[in-house]
């Protein structure tokens, strides 16, 4: 079954909490966290940051996020060998 599309209203409802959580985890300003800014390239997130983000988002929203899903989404079309080199997200 294909995942349901997320509506703009749904994004708007959770975005402030997500942006504050990401900013806190990465030590940046919430204004720097935008929907079109890459966590890795734009906000300098490293692989360990994704684990922290998962825990923080789970706590903030009282949900379980499958491990690897955030990294998979962050990697996008980039091959794994290019995404991570010597344990560091490139």
N, C-alpha and C. Protein backbone atom coordinates (compact mmCIF):
# COMPACT_ATOMS: atom_id res chain seq x y z
N UNK A 1 0.84 -1.18 0.00
CA UNK A 1 0.00 0.00 0.00
C UNK A 1 0.89 1.24 0.00
N UNK A 2 0.61 2.19 -0.87
CA UNK A 2 1.39 3.41 -0.97
C UNK A 2 1.09 4.32 0.22
N UNK A 3 2.12 5.04 0.69
CA UNK A 3 1.87 5.96 1.81
C UNK A 3 0.95 7.09 1.39
N UNK A 4 0.15 7.57 2.31
CA UNK A 4 -0.77 8.67 2.04
C UNK A 4 0.01 9.97 1.88
N UNK A 5 -0.48 10.84 1.04
CA UNK A 5 0.14 12.14 0.86
C UNK A 5 -0.10 12.99 2.12
N UNK A 6 0.88 13.77 2.47
CA UNK A 6 0.77 14.66 3.62
C UNK A 6 0.27 16.01 3.12
N UNK A 7 -0.74 16.54 3.78
CA UNK A 7 -1.31 17.81 3.36
C UNK A 7 -0.53 18.98 3.94
N UNK A 8 -0.69 20.15 3.35
CA UNK A 8 -0.05 21.36 3.85
C UNK A 8 -0.51 21.67 5.27
N UNK A 9 -1.78 21.45 5.55
CA UNK A 9 -2.30 21.69 6.90
C UNK A 9 -1.62 20.78 7.92
N UNK A 10 -1.38 19.53 7.53
CA UNK A 10 -0.70 18.59 8.43
C UNK A 10 0.74 19.04 8.67
N UNK A 11 1.42 19.49 7.62
CA UNK A 11 2.79 19.99 7.77
C UNK A 11 2.79 21.22 8.67
N UNK A 12 1.88 22.15 8.41
CA UNK A 12 1.81 23.37 9.22
C UNK A 12 1.54 23.08 10.69
N UNK A 13 0.80 22.01 10.96
CA UNK A 13 0.45 21.66 12.35
C UNK A 13 1.66 21.16 13.14
N UNK A 14 2.58 20.46 12.49
CA UNK A 14 3.72 19.87 13.21
C UNK A 14 5.03 20.64 13.00
N UNK A 15 5.08 21.48 11.97
CA UNK A 15 6.33 22.13 11.60
C UNK A 15 7.00 22.92 12.74
N UNK A 16 6.28 23.73 13.49
CA UNK A 16 6.95 24.49 14.56
C UNK A 16 7.67 23.58 15.57
N UNK A 17 7.05 22.47 15.93
CA UNK A 17 7.67 21.54 16.87
C UNK A 17 8.87 20.85 16.23
N UNK A 18 8.73 20.45 14.98
CA UNK A 18 9.84 19.79 14.28
C UNK A 18 11.00 20.77 14.13
N UNK A 19 10.74 21.99 13.70
CA UNK A 19 11.80 22.98 13.51
C UNK A 19 12.52 23.27 14.83
N UNK A 20 11.77 23.43 15.92
CA UNK A 20 12.38 23.70 17.22
C UNK A 20 13.22 22.50 17.68
N UNK A 21 12.72 21.30 17.43
CA UNK A 21 13.44 20.08 17.82
C UNK A 21 14.72 19.93 17.02
N UNK A 22 14.66 20.15 15.72
CA UNK A 22 15.84 20.06 14.87
C UNK A 22 16.87 21.13 15.27
N UNK A 23 16.40 22.35 15.48
CA UNK A 23 17.31 23.44 15.86
C UNK A 23 18.00 23.14 17.19
N UNK A 24 17.25 22.63 18.14
CA UNK A 24 17.82 22.30 19.44
C UNK A 24 18.85 21.18 19.31
N UNK A 25 18.53 20.16 18.53
CA UNK A 25 19.44 19.02 18.37
C UNK A 25 20.72 19.42 17.63
N UNK A 26 20.60 20.32 16.66
CA UNK A 26 21.75 20.68 15.84
C UNK A 26 22.44 21.96 16.30
N UNK A 27 21.86 22.61 17.31
CA UNK A 27 22.47 23.83 17.83
C UNK A 27 22.44 24.99 16.85
N UNK A 28 21.33 25.10 16.10
CA UNK A 28 21.19 26.20 15.16
C UNK A 28 19.92 26.98 15.51
N UNK A 29 19.71 28.08 14.82
CA UNK A 29 18.51 28.88 15.04
C UNK A 29 17.32 28.21 14.37
N UNK A 30 16.15 28.25 15.01
CA UNK A 30 14.95 27.66 14.39
C UNK A 30 14.64 28.28 13.03
N UNK A 31 15.02 29.55 12.83
CA UNK A 31 14.77 30.22 11.55
C UNK A 31 15.59 29.60 10.42
N UNK A 32 16.70 28.91 10.77
CA UNK A 32 17.54 28.26 9.76
C UNK A 32 16.93 26.95 9.26
N UNK A 33 16.01 26.40 10.04
CA UNK A 33 15.37 25.13 9.68
C UNK A 33 14.20 25.43 8.77
N UNK A 34 14.32 25.01 7.52
CA UNK A 34 13.28 25.25 6.53
C UNK A 34 12.99 23.94 5.79
N UNK A 35 11.83 23.86 5.20
CA UNK A 35 11.44 22.64 4.50
C UNK A 35 12.37 22.30 3.34
N UNK A 36 12.98 23.30 2.73
CA UNK A 36 13.82 23.06 1.57
C UNK A 36 15.32 23.05 1.89
N UNK A 37 15.68 23.06 3.18
CA UNK A 37 17.08 23.05 3.58
C UNK A 37 17.47 21.64 4.01
N UNK A 38 18.51 21.13 3.39
CA UNK A 38 19.01 19.79 3.72
C UNK A 38 19.59 19.78 5.13
N UNK A 39 19.25 18.75 5.90
CA UNK A 39 19.82 18.63 7.24
C UNK A 39 21.33 18.47 7.17
N UNK A 40 21.80 17.75 6.17
CA UNK A 40 23.24 17.47 6.06
C UNK A 40 23.97 18.64 5.42
N UNK A 41 23.56 19.01 4.23
CA UNK A 41 24.28 20.05 3.50
C UNK A 41 23.98 21.45 4.01
N UNK A 42 22.76 21.70 4.44
CA UNK A 42 22.38 23.04 4.86
C UNK A 42 22.58 23.30 6.34
N UNK A 43 22.43 22.26 7.17
CA UNK A 43 22.51 22.46 8.62
C UNK A 43 23.64 21.67 9.27
N UNK A 44 24.48 21.06 8.45
CA UNK A 44 25.68 20.36 8.92
C UNK A 44 25.40 19.20 9.87
N UNK A 45 24.26 18.53 9.70
CA UNK A 45 23.96 17.36 10.53
C UNK A 45 24.91 16.23 10.17
N UNK A 46 25.31 15.47 11.18
CA UNK A 46 26.14 14.30 10.98
C UNK A 46 25.32 13.06 11.31
N UNK A 47 25.86 11.91 10.99
CA UNK A 47 25.09 10.68 11.16
C UNK A 47 24.59 10.50 12.60
N UNK A 48 25.38 10.86 13.59
CA UNK A 48 24.97 10.70 14.99
C UNK A 48 23.79 11.63 15.32
N UNK A 49 23.70 12.76 14.62
CA UNK A 49 22.60 13.69 14.85
C UNK A 49 21.26 13.08 14.49
N UNK A 50 21.24 12.19 13.51
CA UNK A 50 19.98 11.58 13.10
C UNK A 50 19.41 10.70 14.21
N UNK A 51 20.25 10.01 14.92
CA UNK A 51 19.78 9.19 16.03
C UNK A 51 19.19 10.08 17.12
N UNK A 52 19.87 11.18 17.43
CA UNK A 52 19.37 12.14 18.41
C UNK A 52 18.03 12.71 17.95
N UNK A 53 17.94 13.05 16.67
CA UNK A 53 16.68 13.59 16.15
C UNK A 53 15.53 12.60 16.27
N UNK A 54 15.80 11.34 15.99
CA UNK A 54 14.76 10.32 16.11
C UNK A 54 14.24 10.29 17.54
N UNK A 55 15.13 10.23 18.52
CA UNK A 55 14.71 10.17 19.92
C UNK A 55 13.92 11.42 20.32
N UNK A 56 14.40 12.58 19.90
CA UNK A 56 13.72 13.82 20.26
C UNK A 56 12.34 13.92 19.62
N UNK A 57 12.24 13.53 18.35
CA UNK A 57 10.95 13.60 17.66
C UNK A 57 9.97 12.57 18.22
N UNK A 58 10.47 11.39 18.56
CA UNK A 58 9.61 10.39 19.18
C UNK A 58 9.05 10.92 20.50
N UNK A 59 9.90 11.55 21.27
CA UNK A 59 9.46 12.10 22.56
C UNK A 59 8.48 13.25 22.36
N UNK A 60 8.77 14.15 21.40
CA UNK A 60 7.92 15.31 21.18
C UNK A 60 6.52 14.92 20.70
N UNK A 61 6.46 13.90 19.83
CA UNK A 61 5.17 13.53 19.23
C UNK A 61 4.59 12.24 19.78
N UNK A 62 5.31 11.61 20.72
CA UNK A 62 4.85 10.36 21.33
C UNK A 62 4.52 9.32 20.25
N UNK A 63 5.49 9.11 19.34
CA UNK A 63 5.38 8.13 18.26
C UNK A 63 6.66 7.32 18.20
N UNK A 64 6.63 6.22 17.45
CA UNK A 64 7.84 5.43 17.18
C UNK A 64 8.21 5.65 15.72
N UNK A 65 9.45 5.97 15.47
CA UNK A 65 9.96 6.16 14.11
C UNK A 65 10.87 4.98 13.81
N UNK A 66 10.60 4.25 12.73
CA UNK A 66 11.46 3.11 12.40
C UNK A 66 12.91 3.56 12.20
N UNK A 67 13.83 2.87 12.85
CA UNK A 67 15.25 3.21 12.72
C UNK A 67 15.67 3.09 11.27
N UNK A 68 16.46 4.03 10.83
CA UNK A 68 16.94 4.03 9.47
C UNK A 68 16.08 4.84 8.52
N UNK A 69 14.83 5.11 8.90
CA UNK A 69 13.93 5.85 8.00
C UNK A 69 14.39 7.28 7.79
N UNK A 70 14.82 7.96 8.83
CA UNK A 70 15.27 9.34 8.68
C UNK A 70 16.52 9.40 7.82
N UNK A 71 17.47 8.51 8.08
CA UNK A 71 18.70 8.49 7.29
C UNK A 71 18.37 8.15 5.84
N UNK A 72 17.49 7.18 5.64
CA UNK A 72 17.08 6.80 4.28
C UNK A 72 16.48 7.99 3.55
N UNK A 73 15.60 8.73 4.22
CA UNK A 73 14.98 9.90 3.60
C UNK A 73 16.00 11.01 3.36
N UNK A 74 16.92 11.19 4.28
CA UNK A 74 17.94 12.23 4.13
C UNK A 74 18.89 11.91 2.98
N UNK A 75 19.18 10.63 2.81
CA UNK A 75 20.10 10.20 1.76
C UNK A 75 19.49 10.43 0.39
N UNK A 76 18.18 10.27 0.27
CA UNK A 76 17.51 10.47 -1.01
C UNK A 76 18.07 9.56 -2.08
N UNK A 77 18.44 10.12 -3.22
CA UNK A 77 18.94 9.34 -4.35
C UNK A 77 20.44 9.08 -4.28
N UNK A 78 21.11 9.65 -3.29
CA UNK A 78 22.55 9.48 -3.16
C UNK A 78 22.88 8.05 -2.76
N UNK A 79 23.77 7.38 -3.50
CA UNK A 79 24.14 6.00 -3.13
C UNK A 79 24.75 5.97 -1.73
N UNK A 80 24.52 4.87 -1.01
CA UNK A 80 25.01 4.77 0.37
C UNK A 80 26.51 4.99 0.47
N UNK A 81 27.27 4.50 -0.52
CA UNK A 81 28.73 4.66 -0.50
C UNK A 81 29.14 6.12 -0.56
N UNK A 82 28.35 6.95 -1.22
CA UNK A 82 28.64 8.38 -1.29
C UNK A 82 28.10 9.12 -0.07
N UNK A 83 26.99 8.63 0.48
CA UNK A 83 26.35 9.27 1.62
C UNK A 83 27.19 9.16 2.89
N UNK A 84 27.74 7.99 3.11
CA UNK A 84 28.53 7.74 4.32
C UNK A 84 29.90 7.22 3.94
N UNK A 85 30.93 7.89 4.43
CA UNK A 85 32.29 7.46 4.20
C UNK A 85 33.03 7.43 5.52
N UNK A 86 33.53 6.26 5.88
CA UNK A 86 34.23 6.05 7.15
C UNK A 86 33.37 6.43 8.34
N UNK A 87 32.09 6.11 8.26
CA UNK A 87 31.18 6.35 9.37
C UNK A 87 30.68 7.77 9.49
N UNK A 88 30.97 8.60 8.51
CA UNK A 88 30.56 10.02 8.57
C UNK A 88 29.67 10.32 7.37
N UNK A 89 28.53 10.96 7.61
CA UNK A 89 27.67 11.38 6.53
C UNK A 89 28.38 12.49 5.76
N UNK A 90 28.49 12.32 4.46
CA UNK A 90 29.21 13.31 3.66
C UNK A 90 28.34 14.48 3.28
